[in-house]
Amino acid sequence: MQMVMAIIKPFKLDDVREALAEVGVQGITVTEVRGFGRQKGHTELYRGAEYVVDFLPKIKLEVAVPNDQLERVVEAISQAANTGKIGDGKIFVWQLDRVVRIRTGELDADAL
């Protein structure tokens, strides 16, 4: 099993959610986060004054998937979140050693 974490632009959330549903993902965790990458934020003008926005609003998605579903999930997120502009985000993948469904005690793939 793998854990997939993606940082995306907020307005792409619905597109990514729909793409994940199409490849069979049954559950995701979504968190509103703020951060920056290579773009290092940007400058905005508000009431005539310039100020720097260091941390940009982003969405963090977390999805636990079986190994055989990993490539389809990564591809679905990558295509749905892509705008072709700076700040589209990143996808991180790491190994899950164990998953337990609290209610039933099911383990690993059965718990997903």
C-alpha atoms as a PDB file:
ATOM      1  CA  MET A   1       0.000   0.000   0.000  1.00  0.00           C
ATOM      2  CA  GLN A   2       1.070   3.546  -0.681  1.00  0.00           C
ATOM      3  CA  MET A   3       0.199   6.967   0.705  1.00  0.00           C
ATOM      4  CA  VAL A   4      -0.177   9.670  -1.936  1.00  0.00           C
ATOM      5  CA  MET A   5      -0.031  13.291  -0.821  1.00  0.00           C
ATOM      6  CA  ALA A   6      -0.644  16.059  -3.330  1.00  0.00           C
ATOM      7  CA  ILE A   7      -0.376  19.809  -2.911  1.00  0.00           C
ATOM      8  CA  ILE A   8      -2.597  21.541  -5.479  1.00  0.00           C
ATOM      9  CA  LYS A   9      -4.203  24.881  -6.274  1.00  0.00           C
ATOM     10  CA  PRO A  10      -7.511  25.328  -4.404  1.00  0.00           C
ATOM     11  CA  PHE A  11      -9.653  25.835  -7.501  1.00  0.00           C
ATOM     12  CA  LYS A  12      -8.544  22.451  -8.898  1.00  0.00           C
ATOM     13  CA  LEU A  13      -9.956  20.461  -5.959  1.00  0.00           C
ATOM     14  CA  ASP A  14     -13.252  19.496  -7.625  1.00  0.00           C
ATOM     15  CA  ASP A  15     -11.477  18.417 -10.827  1.00  0.00           C
ATOM     16  CA  VAL A  16      -9.046  16.242  -8.864  1.00  0.00           C
ATOM     17  CA  ARG A  17     -11.804  14.748  -6.706  1.00  0.00           C
ATOM     18  CA  GLU A  18     -13.794  13.777  -9.821  1.00  0.00           C
ATOM     19  CA  ALA A  19     -10.689  12.295 -11.483  1.00  0.00           C
ATOM     20  CA  LEU A  20      -9.939  10.216  -8.382  1.00  0.00           C
ATOM     21  CA  ALA A  21     -13.527   8.947  -8.240  1.00  0.00           C
ATOM     22  CA  GLU A  22     -13.227   7.848 -11.886  1.00  0.00           C
ATOM     23  CA  VAL A  23     -10.170   5.674 -11.091  1.00  0.00           C
ATOM     24  CA  GLY A  24     -11.913   4.064  -8.125  1.00  0.00           C
ATOM     25  CA  VAL A  25     -10.616   5.991  -5.108  1.00  0.00           C
ATOM     26  CA  GLN A  26     -13.167   5.659  -2.321  1.00  0.00           C
ATOM     27  CA  GLY A  27     -11.846   8.154   0.211  1.00  0.00           C
ATOM     28  CA  ILE A  28      -9.562  11.167   0.466  1.00  0.00           C
ATOM     29  CA  THR A  29      -8.528  13.572   3.179  1.00  0.00           C
ATOM     30  CA  VAL A  30      -8.436  17.266   2.267  1.00  0.00           C
ATOM     31  CA  THR A  31      -6.682  19.985   4.257  1.00  0.00           C
ATOM     32  CA  GLU A  32      -6.417  23.700   3.535  1.00  0.00           C
ATOM     33  CA  VAL A  33      -2.757  24.661   3.839  1.00  0.00           C
ATOM     34  CA  ARG A  34      -0.479  27.572   2.998  1.00  0.00           C
ATOM     35  CA  GLY A  35       3.017  27.433   1.591  1.00  0.00           C
ATOM     36  CA  PHE A  36       5.387  28.271  -1.209  1.00  0.00           C
ATOM     37  CA  GLY A  37       7.804  26.545  -3.520  1.00  0.00           C
ATOM     38  CA  ARG A  38      10.147  27.972  -6.101  1.00  0.00           C
ATOM     39  CA  GLN A  39       7.803  30.894  -6.747  1.00  0.00           C
ATOM     40  CA  LYS A  40       8.511  32.308  -3.237  1.00  0.00           C
ATOM     41  CA  GLY A  41       5.096  33.967  -3.012  1.00  0.00           C
ATOM     42  CA  HIS A  42       4.184  37.136  -4.898  1.00  0.00           C
ATOM     43  CA  THR A  43       3.490  40.857  -4.502  1.00  0.00           C
ATOM     44  CA  GLU A  44      -0.061  42.212  -4.387  1.00  0.00           C
ATOM     45  CA  LEU A  45      -1.480  45.711  -4.428  1.00  0.00           C
ATOM     46  CA  TYR A  46      -4.135  46.563  -1.815  1.00  0.00           C
ATOM     47  CA  ARG A  47      -5.579  50.090  -1.468  1.00  0.00           C
ATOM     48  CA  GLY A  48      -2.557  51.549  -3.159  1.00  0.00           C
ATOM     49  CA  ALA A  49      -0.015  49.784  -0.958  1.00  0.00           C
ATOM     50  CA  GLU A  50       2.174  46.928  -2.126  1.00  0.00           C
ATOM     51  CA  TYR A  51       2.693  43.962   0.138  1.00  0.00           C
ATOM     52  CA  VAL A  52       4.340  40.565  -0.220  1.00  0.00           C
ATOM     53  CA  VAL A  53       2.299  37.380   0.132  1.00  0.00           C
ATOM     54  CA  ASP A  54       4.842  34.824   1.345  1.00  0.00           C
ATOM     55  CA  PHE A  55       2.534  31.863   1.868  1.00  0.00           C
ATOM     56  CA  LEU A  56       0.022  31.030  -0.835  1.00  0.00           C
ATOM     57  CA  PRO A  57      -3.213  29.121  -0.167  1.00  0.00           C
ATOM     58  CA  LYS A  58      -3.032  25.489  -1.302  1.00  0.00           C
ATOM     59  CA  ILE A  59      -4.965  22.257  -0.807  1.00  0.00           C
ATOM     60  CA  LYS A  60      -3.313  19.112   0.554  1.00  0.00           C
ATOM     61  CA  LEU A  61      -4.883  15.805  -0.497  1.00  0.00           C
ATOM     62  CA  GLU A  62      -4.004  12.512   1.147  1.00  0.00           C
ATOM     63  CA  VAL A  63      -5.048   9.195  -0.385  1.00  0.00           C
ATOM     64  CA  ALA A  64      -4.120   5.680   0.750  1.00  0.00           C
ATOM     65  CA  VAL A  65      -4.122   3.268  -2.196  1.00  0.00           C
ATOM     66  CA  PRO A  66      -3.212  -0.346  -2.950  1.00  0.00           C
ATOM     67  CA  ASN A  67       0.004  -0.766  -4.947  1.00  0.00           C
ATOM     68  CA  ASP A  68      -1.855  -1.783  -8.119  1.00  0.00           C
ATOM     69  CA  GLN A  69      -3.833   1.485  -8.111  1.00  0.00           C
ATOM     70  CA  LEU A  70      -0.866   3.812  -7.491  1.00  0.00           C
ATOM     71  CA  GLU A  71       0.033   4.774 -11.071  1.00  0.00           C
ATOM     72  CA  ARG A  72      -3.573   5.489 -12.039  1.00  0.00           C
ATOM     73  CA  VAL A  73      -4.033   7.695  -8.959  1.00  0.00           C
ATOM     74  CA  VAL A  74      -0.828   9.674  -9.546  1.00  0.00           C
ATOM     75  CA  GLU A  75      -1.703  10.140 -13.224  1.00  0.00           C
ATOM     76  CA  ALA A  76      -5.277  11.218 -12.404  1.00  0.00           C
ATOM     77  CA  ILE A  77      -4.066  13.843  -9.911  1.00  0.00           C
ATOM     78  CA  SER A  78      -1.328  15.048 -12.241  1.00  0.00           C
ATOM     79  CA  GLN A  79      -3.667  15.535 -15.197  1.00  0.00           C
ATOM     80  CA  ALA A  80      -6.570  17.041 -13.234  1.00  0.00           C
ATOM     81  CA  ALA A  81      -4.425  19.509 -11.256  1.00  0.00           C
ATOM     82  CA  ASN A  82      -2.323  20.694 -14.206  1.00  0.00           C
ATOM     83  CA  THR A  83      -2.812  24.274 -15.395  1.00  0.00           C
ATOM     84  CA  GLY A  84       0.600  24.571 -17.046  1.00  0.00           C
ATOM     85  CA  LYS A  85       1.477  27.531 -14.830  1.00  0.00           C
ATOM     86  CA  ILE A  86       3.875  27.933 -11.934  1.00  0.00           C
ATOM     87  CA  GLY A  87       2.517  26.756  -8.597  1.00  0.00           C
ATOM     88  CA  ASP A  88       0.547  23.740  -9.886  1.00  0.00           C
ATOM     89  CA  GLY A  89       1.915  21.738  -6.957  1.00  0.00           C
ATOM     90  CA  LYS A  90       3.605  18.437  -6.228  1.00  0.00           C
ATOM     91  CA  ILE A  91       2.748  14.797  -5.592  1.00  0.00           C
ATOM     92  CA  PHE A  92       4.566  12.787  -2.918  1.00  0.00           C
ATOM     93  CA  VAL A  93       4.345   8.996  -2.540  1.00  0.00           C
ATOM     94  CA  TRP A  94       5.553   6.825   0.330  1.00  0.00           C
ATOM     95  CA  GLN A  95       5.110   3.274   1.578  1.00  0.00           C
ATOM     96  CA  LEU A  96       2.359   2.512   4.105  1.00  0.00           C
ATOM     97  CA  ASP A  97       3.352  -0.238   6.507  1.00  0.00           C
ATOM     98  CA  ARG A  98      -0.028  -0.748   8.101  1.00  0.00           C
ATOM     99  CA  VAL A  99      -3.634   0.435   7.949  1.00  0.00           C
ATOM    100  CA  VAL A 100      -6.278  -0.421  10.548  1.00  0.00           C
ATOM    101  CA  ARG A 101      -9.976   0.375  10.306  1.00  0.00           C
ATOM    102  CA  ILE A 102     -10.852   1.391  13.860  1.00  0.00           C
ATOM    103  CA  ARG A 103     -14.502   0.303  13.788  1.00  0.00           C
ATOM    104  CA  THR A 104     -13.968  -3.272  12.557  1.00  0.00           C
ATOM    105  CA  GLY A 105     -10.285  -3.967  13.126  1.00  0.00           C
ATOM    106  CA  GLU A 106      -9.787  -4.773   9.431  1.00  0.00           C
ATOM    107  CA  LEU A 107      -6.179  -4.553   8.321  1.00  0.00           C
ATOM    108  CA  ASP A 108      -4.270  -3.153   5.358  1.00  0.00           C
ATOM    109  CA  ALA A 109      -6.067  -3.349   1.966  1.00  0.00           C
ATOM    110  CA  ASP A 110      -9.296  -4.510   3.636  1.00  0.00           C
ATOM    111  CA  ALA A 111      -9.227  -1.363   5.787  1.00  0.00           C
ATOM    112  CA  LEU A 112      -9.119   0.954   2.783  1.00  0.00           C
END
